[in-house]
């Protein structure tokens, strides 16, 4: 049985290790550490999947904005999401994503943006961000740049540039 819960300080080492192992580099692990230092960091949206007191996976939702000609609209970036390689393909990432998205919705967030595998995220309701009128601030394949409306119509009449926290530039 997997439990999804907000990270605790004692989970930081395991979260770093999981991200480094899952991505085969330190960039995403450092991204999490750097985003924790931001004043707009939302601790309850950094979630871990735990089984038998062992952290097996991690997902982070952090504030971003969509800059439009009508103003700035809040959104969340889903990045990173990682599962320890020994426990991948067992539904842990799916559970993190399902419960994390629901928590975001319950907190009143309306939009989640992700850059990820185009065959994975659509099953959770993500669609092409480009088709929905959003642009990425850096080069990314259109099929990997996706968005999820947590509230129906949240993207109605919104088009523009997704602006990430500067910490993302290091990844």
C-alpha atoms as a PDB file:
ATOM      1  CA  UNK A   1       0.000   0.000   0.000  1.00  0.00           C
ATOM      2  CA  UNK A   2       1.403   3.361  -1.118  1.00  0.00           C
ATOM      3  CA  UNK A   3       0.749   6.512   0.878  1.00  0.00           C
ATOM      4  CA  UNK A   4       1.045   9.901  -0.813  1.00  0.00           C
ATOM      5  CA  UNK A   5       1.872  12.717   1.589  1.00  0.00           C
ATOM      6  CA  UNK A   6       3.649  16.083   1.690  1.00  0.00           C
ATOM      7  CA  UNK A   7       7.414  15.835   1.930  1.00  0.00           C
ATOM      8  CA  UNK A   8       9.095  16.210   5.299  1.00  0.00           C
ATOM      9  CA  UNK A   9      12.585  17.509   5.947  1.00  0.00           C
ATOM     10  CA  UNK A  10      13.745  13.978   6.708  1.00  0.00           C
ATOM     11  CA  UNK A  11      12.661  12.994   3.147  1.00  0.00           C
ATOM     12  CA  UNK A  12      15.031  15.454   1.431  1.00  0.00           C
ATOM     13  CA  UNK A  13      17.924  13.003   1.010  1.00  0.00           C
ATOM     14  CA  UNK A  14      15.669  10.304  -0.447  1.00  0.00           C
ATOM     15  CA  UNK A  15      14.011  12.840  -2.785  1.00  0.00           C
ATOM     16  CA  UNK A  16      17.416  13.966  -4.037  1.00  0.00           C
ATOM     17  CA  UNK A  17      18.507  10.362  -4.621  1.00  0.00           C
ATOM     18  CA  UNK A  18      15.279   9.392  -6.414  1.00  0.00           C
ATOM     19  CA  UNK A  19      15.454  12.353  -8.784  1.00  0.00           C
ATOM     20  CA  UNK A  20      19.167  11.811  -9.502  1.00  0.00           C
ATOM     21  CA  UNK A  21      18.661   8.097 -10.179  1.00  0.00           C
ATOM     22  CA  UNK A  22      15.464   8.465 -12.209  1.00  0.00           C
ATOM     23  CA  UNK A  23      16.882  11.194 -14.456  1.00  0.00           C
ATOM     24  CA  UNK A  24      20.472   9.938 -14.512  1.00  0.00           C
ATOM     25  CA  UNK A  25      21.799  13.347 -13.519  1.00  0.00           C
ATOM     26  CA  UNK A  26      21.695  15.833 -10.648  1.00  0.00           C
ATOM     27  CA  UNK A  27      19.824  18.676 -12.433  1.00  0.00           C
ATOM     28  CA  UNK A  28      16.303  17.766 -11.326  1.00  0.00           C
ATOM     29  CA  UNK A  29      17.452  16.985  -7.783  1.00  0.00           C
ATOM     30  CA  UNK A  30      19.083  20.426  -7.595  1.00  0.00           C
ATOM     31  CA  UNK A  31      15.959  22.007  -9.097  1.00  0.00           C
ATOM     32  CA  UNK A  32      13.854  20.683  -6.202  1.00  0.00           C
ATOM     33  CA  UNK A  33      16.370  21.976  -3.670  1.00  0.00           C
ATOM     34  CA  UNK A  34      16.484  25.407  -5.318  1.00  0.00           C
ATOM     35  CA  UNK A  35      12.700  25.696  -5.632  1.00  0.00           C
ATOM     36  CA  UNK A  36      12.346  24.952  -1.901  1.00  0.00           C
ATOM     37  CA  UNK A  37      14.258  28.196  -1.233  1.00  0.00           C
ATOM     38  CA  UNK A  38      11.747  30.368  -3.100  1.00  0.00           C
ATOM     39  CA  UNK A  39       9.329  32.514  -1.127  1.00  0.00           C
ATOM     40  CA  UNK A  40       6.431  31.222  -3.264  1.00  0.00           C
ATOM     41  CA  UNK A  41       7.274  27.534  -2.634  1.00  0.00           C
ATOM     42  CA  UNK A  42       4.188  25.573  -1.570  1.00  0.00           C
ATOM     43  CA  UNK A  43       5.479  22.791   0.733  1.00  0.00           C
ATOM     44  CA  UNK A  44       2.248  20.799   0.663  1.00  0.00           C
ATOM     45  CA  UNK A  45       2.594  20.451  -3.143  1.00  0.00           C
ATOM     46  CA  UNK A  46       5.913  18.617  -2.880  1.00  0.00           C
ATOM     47  CA  UNK A  47       4.623  15.091  -2.418  1.00  0.00           C
ATOM     48  CA  UNK A  48       6.240  11.753  -1.750  1.00  0.00           C
ATOM     49  CA  UNK A  49       5.001   8.206  -2.266  1.00  0.00           C
ATOM     50  CA  UNK A  50       5.856   6.115   0.772  1.00  0.00           C
ATOM     51  CA  UNK A  51       5.645   2.384   1.383  1.00  0.00           C
ATOM     52  CA  UNK A  52       6.831   0.790   4.613  1.00  0.00           C
ATOM     53  CA  UNK A  53       8.362   4.144   5.650  1.00  0.00           C
ATOM     54  CA  UNK A  54      10.522   4.248   2.494  1.00  0.00           C
ATOM     55  CA  UNK A  55      10.186   7.105  -0.002  1.00  0.00           C
ATOM     56  CA  UNK A  56       9.726   5.544  -3.453  1.00  0.00           C
ATOM     57  CA  UNK A  57       8.655   8.527  -5.521  1.00  0.00           C
ATOM     58  CA  UNK A  58       8.324  12.302  -5.602  1.00  0.00           C
ATOM     59  CA  UNK A  59       6.293  14.934  -7.464  1.00  0.00           C
ATOM     60  CA  UNK A  60       6.539  18.703  -7.248  1.00  0.00           C
ATOM     61  CA  UNK A  61       4.048  21.355  -8.306  1.00  0.00           C
ATOM     62  CA  UNK A  62       5.414  24.899  -8.204  1.00  0.00           C
ATOM     63  CA  UNK A  63       4.001  28.318  -9.097  1.00  0.00           C
ATOM     64  CA  UNK A  64       4.467  29.710 -12.601  1.00  0.00           C
ATOM     65  CA  UNK A  65       2.510  32.271 -14.612  1.00  0.00           C
ATOM     66  CA  UNK A  66       1.060  32.629 -18.070  1.00  0.00           C
ATOM     67  CA  UNK A  67       1.822  36.060 -19.486  1.00  0.00           C
ATOM     68  CA  UNK A  68      -0.872  37.228 -21.892  1.00  0.00           C
ATOM     69  CA  UNK A  69      -1.868  40.489 -23.516  1.00  0.00           C
ATOM     70  CA  UNK A  70      -4.696  40.608 -20.958  1.00  0.00           C
ATOM     71  CA  UNK A  71      -2.472  40.199 -17.916  1.00  0.00           C
ATOM     72  CA  UNK A  72      -0.781  37.486 -15.920  1.00  0.00           C
ATOM     73  CA  UNK A  73      -2.577  34.284 -14.942  1.00  0.00           C
ATOM     74  CA  UNK A  74      -1.341  31.881 -12.248  1.00  0.00           C
ATOM     75  CA  UNK A  75      -0.583  28.249 -13.008  1.00  0.00           C
ATOM     76  CA  UNK A  76       1.526  25.406 -11.660  1.00  0.00           C
ATOM     77  CA  UNK A  77       4.474  23.595 -13.189  1.00  0.00           C
ATOM     78  CA  UNK A  78       4.570  19.852 -12.659  1.00  0.00           C
ATOM     79  CA  UNK A  79       8.293  19.220 -12.455  1.00  0.00           C
ATOM     80  CA  UNK A  80       9.933  17.008 -11.608  1.00  0.00           C
ATOM     81  CA  UNK A  81       8.152  13.728 -11.076  1.00  0.00           C
ATOM     82  CA  UNK A  82      10.343  10.722 -10.365  1.00  0.00           C
ATOM     83  CA  UNK A  83      10.063   7.172  -9.069  1.00  0.00           C
ATOM     84  CA  UNK A  84      13.026   5.180  -7.793  1.00  0.00           C
ATOM     85  CA  UNK A  85      14.141   2.962 -10.715  1.00  0.00           C
ATOM     86  CA  UNK A  86      13.593  -0.232  -8.673  1.00  0.00           C
ATOM     87  CA  UNK A  87       9.908   0.659  -8.300  1.00  0.00           C
ATOM     88  CA  UNK A  88       9.010   2.099 -11.690  1.00  0.00           C
ATOM     89  CA  UNK A  89       6.119   0.708 -13.745  1.00  0.00           C
ATOM     90  CA  UNK A  90       4.152  -0.186 -10.613  1.00  0.00           C
ATOM     91  CA  UNK A  91       1.661   2.707 -10.702  1.00  0.00           C
ATOM     92  CA  UNK A  92       3.513   4.903  -8.193  1.00  0.00           C
ATOM     93  CA  UNK A  93       3.939   7.812 -10.610  1.00  0.00           C
ATOM     94  CA  UNK A  94       0.295   7.535 -11.625  1.00  0.00           C
ATOM     95  CA  UNK A  95      -0.799   7.662  -8.001  1.00  0.00           C
ATOM     96  CA  UNK A  96       1.428  10.673  -7.298  1.00  0.00           C
ATOM     97  CA  UNK A  97      -0.029  12.444 -10.325  1.00  0.00           C
ATOM     98  CA  UNK A  98      -3.659  11.576  -9.532  1.00  0.00           C
ATOM     99  CA  UNK A  99      -3.495  12.551  -5.869  1.00  0.00           C
ATOM    100  CA  UNK A 100      -1.266  15.556  -6.558  1.00  0.00           C
ATOM    101  CA  UNK A 101      -3.608  16.939  -9.222  1.00  0.00           C
ATOM    102  CA  UNK A 102      -6.589  16.475  -6.926  1.00  0.00           C
ATOM    103  CA  UNK A 103      -4.782  18.281  -4.098  1.00  0.00           C
ATOM    104  CA  UNK A 104      -3.946  21.152  -6.471  1.00  0.00           C
ATOM    105  CA  UNK A 105      -7.611  21.313  -7.549  1.00  0.00           C
ATOM    106  CA  UNK A 106      -8.795  21.283  -3.936  1.00  0.00           C
ATOM    107  CA  UNK A 107      -6.455  24.171  -3.135  1.00  0.00           C
ATOM    108  CA  UNK A 108      -8.047  26.229  -5.910  1.00  0.00           C
ATOM    109  CA  UNK A 109      -5.343  25.927  -8.544  1.00  0.00           C
ATOM    110  CA  UNK A 110      -6.748  25.841 -12.065  1.00  0.00           C
ATOM    111  CA  UNK A 111      -3.932  25.061 -14.517  1.00  0.00           C
ATOM    112  CA  UNK A 112      -0.978  22.642 -14.524  1.00  0.00           C
ATOM    113  CA  UNK A 113       1.735  22.755 -17.187  1.00  0.00           C
ATOM    114  CA  UNK A 114       4.158  19.891 -17.806  1.00  0.00           C
ATOM    115  CA  UNK A 115       6.976  19.084 -20.167  1.00  0.00           C
ATOM    116  CA  UNK A 116       6.988  15.328 -20.321  1.00  0.00           C
ATOM    117  CA  UNK A 117       6.405  12.110 -22.187  1.00  0.00           C
ATOM    118  CA  UNK A 118       3.645  12.663 -24.771  1.00  0.00           C
ATOM    119  CA  UNK A 119       2.333   9.116 -24.367  1.00  0.00           C
ATOM    120  CA  UNK A 120       2.135   9.234 -20.551  1.00  0.00           C
ATOM    121  CA  UNK A 121       0.476  12.481 -19.488  1.00  0.00           C
ATOM    122  CA  UNK A 122      -2.543  12.521 -21.867  1.00  0.00           C
ATOM    123  CA  UNK A 123      -4.103   9.600 -19.967  1.00  0.00           C
ATOM    124  CA  UNK A 124      -4.446  12.019 -17.019  1.00  0.00           C
ATOM    125  CA  UNK A 125      -6.172  14.686 -19.108  1.00  0.00           C
ATOM    126  CA  UNK A 126      -3.161  16.666 -20.312  1.00  0.00           C
ATOM    127  CA  UNK A 127      -3.439  18.093 -23.815  1.00  0.00           C
ATOM    128  CA  UNK A 128      -1.173  20.044 -26.133  1.00  0.00           C
ATOM    129  CA  UNK A 129      -0.296  23.402 -24.586  1.00  0.00           C
ATOM    130  CA  UNK A 130       0.556  24.775 -28.028  1.00  0.00           C
ATOM    131  CA  UNK A 131      -2.888  23.872 -29.376  1.00  0.00           C
ATOM    132  CA  UNK A 132      -4.417  25.586 -26.325  1.00  0.00           C
ATOM    133  CA  UNK A 133      -2.541  28.785 -27.177  1.00  0.00           C
ATOM    134  CA  UNK A 134       0.411  28.532 -24.814  1.00  0.00           C
ATOM    135  CA  UNK A 135       4.037  29.053 -25.740  1.00  0.00           C
ATOM    136  CA  UNK A 136       7.101  27.714 -23.956  1.00  0.00           C
ATOM    137  CA  UNK A 137       9.897  30.177 -23.119  1.00  0.00           C
ATOM    138  CA  UNK A 138      12.510  27.730 -24.422  1.00  0.00           C
ATOM    139  CA  UNK A 139      12.819  25.151 -27.164  1.00  0.00           C
ATOM    140  CA  UNK A 140      10.720  22.075 -26.423  1.00  0.00           C
ATOM    141  CA  UNK A 141       8.941  19.624 -28.753  1.00  0.00           C
ATOM    142  CA  UNK A 142       5.282  20.624 -29.102  1.00  0.00           C
ATOM    143  CA  UNK A 143       4.112  17.105 -28.230  1.00  0.00           C
ATOM    144  CA  UNK A 144       5.997  17.209 -24.892  1.00  0.00           C
ATOM    145  CA  UNK A 145       4.582  20.615 -23.841  1.00  0.00           C
ATOM    146  CA  UNK A 146       1.205  19.902 -22.235  1.00  0.00           C
ATOM    147  CA  UNK A 147      -1.404  21.508 -20.020  1.00  0.00           C
ATOM    148  CA  UNK A 148      -4.212  20.309 -17.745  1.00  0.00           C
ATOM    149  CA  UNK A 149      -7.255  22.371 -16.796  1.00  0.00           C
ATOM    150  CA  UNK A 150      -8.163  21.566 -13.201  1.00  0.00           C
ATOM    151  CA  UNK A 151     -11.255  23.754 -13.525  1.00  0.00           C
ATOM    152  CA  UNK A 152     -13.347  23.493 -16.690  1.00  0.00           C
ATOM    153  CA  UNK A 153     -12.779  26.521 -18.897  1.00  0.00           C
ATOM    154  CA  UNK A 154      -9.710  27.688 -16.960  1.00  0.00           C
ATOM    155  CA  UNK A 155      -7.875  28.316 -20.229  1.00  0.00           C
ATOM    156  CA  UNK A 156     -10.805  29.981 -21.967  1.00  0.00           C
ATOM    157  CA  UNK A 157      -9.549  33.057 -23.804  1.00  0.00           C
ATOM    158  CA  UNK A 158      -6.035  32.665 -22.328  1.00  0.00           C
ATOM    159  CA  UNK A 159      -3.078  32.491 -24.658  1.00  0.00           C
ATOM    160  CA  UNK A 160       0.482  33.550 -24.122  1.00  0.00           C
ATOM    161  CA  UNK A 161       3.903  32.672 -22.784  1.00  0.00           C
ATOM    162  CA  UNK A 162       4.404  30.315 -19.856  1.00  0.00           C
ATOM    163  CA  UNK A 163       6.948  31.892 -17.503  1.00  0.00           C
ATOM    164  CA  UNK A 164       8.859  29.525 -15.228  1.00  0.00           C
ATOM    165  CA  UNK A 165      10.840  30.404 -12.116  1.00  0.00           C
ATOM    166  CA  UNK A 166      14.482  31.211 -12.982  1.00  0.00           C
ATOM    167  CA  UNK A 167      15.559  28.002 -11.240  1.00  0.00           C
ATOM    168  CA  UNK A 168      14.228  26.024 -14.218  1.00  0.00           C
ATOM    169  CA  UNK A 169      16.868  27.545 -16.498  1.00  0.00           C
ATOM    170  CA  UNK A 170      19.469  25.263 -14.909  1.00  0.00           C
ATOM    171  CA  UNK A 171      17.656  22.081 -15.955  1.00  0.00           C
END
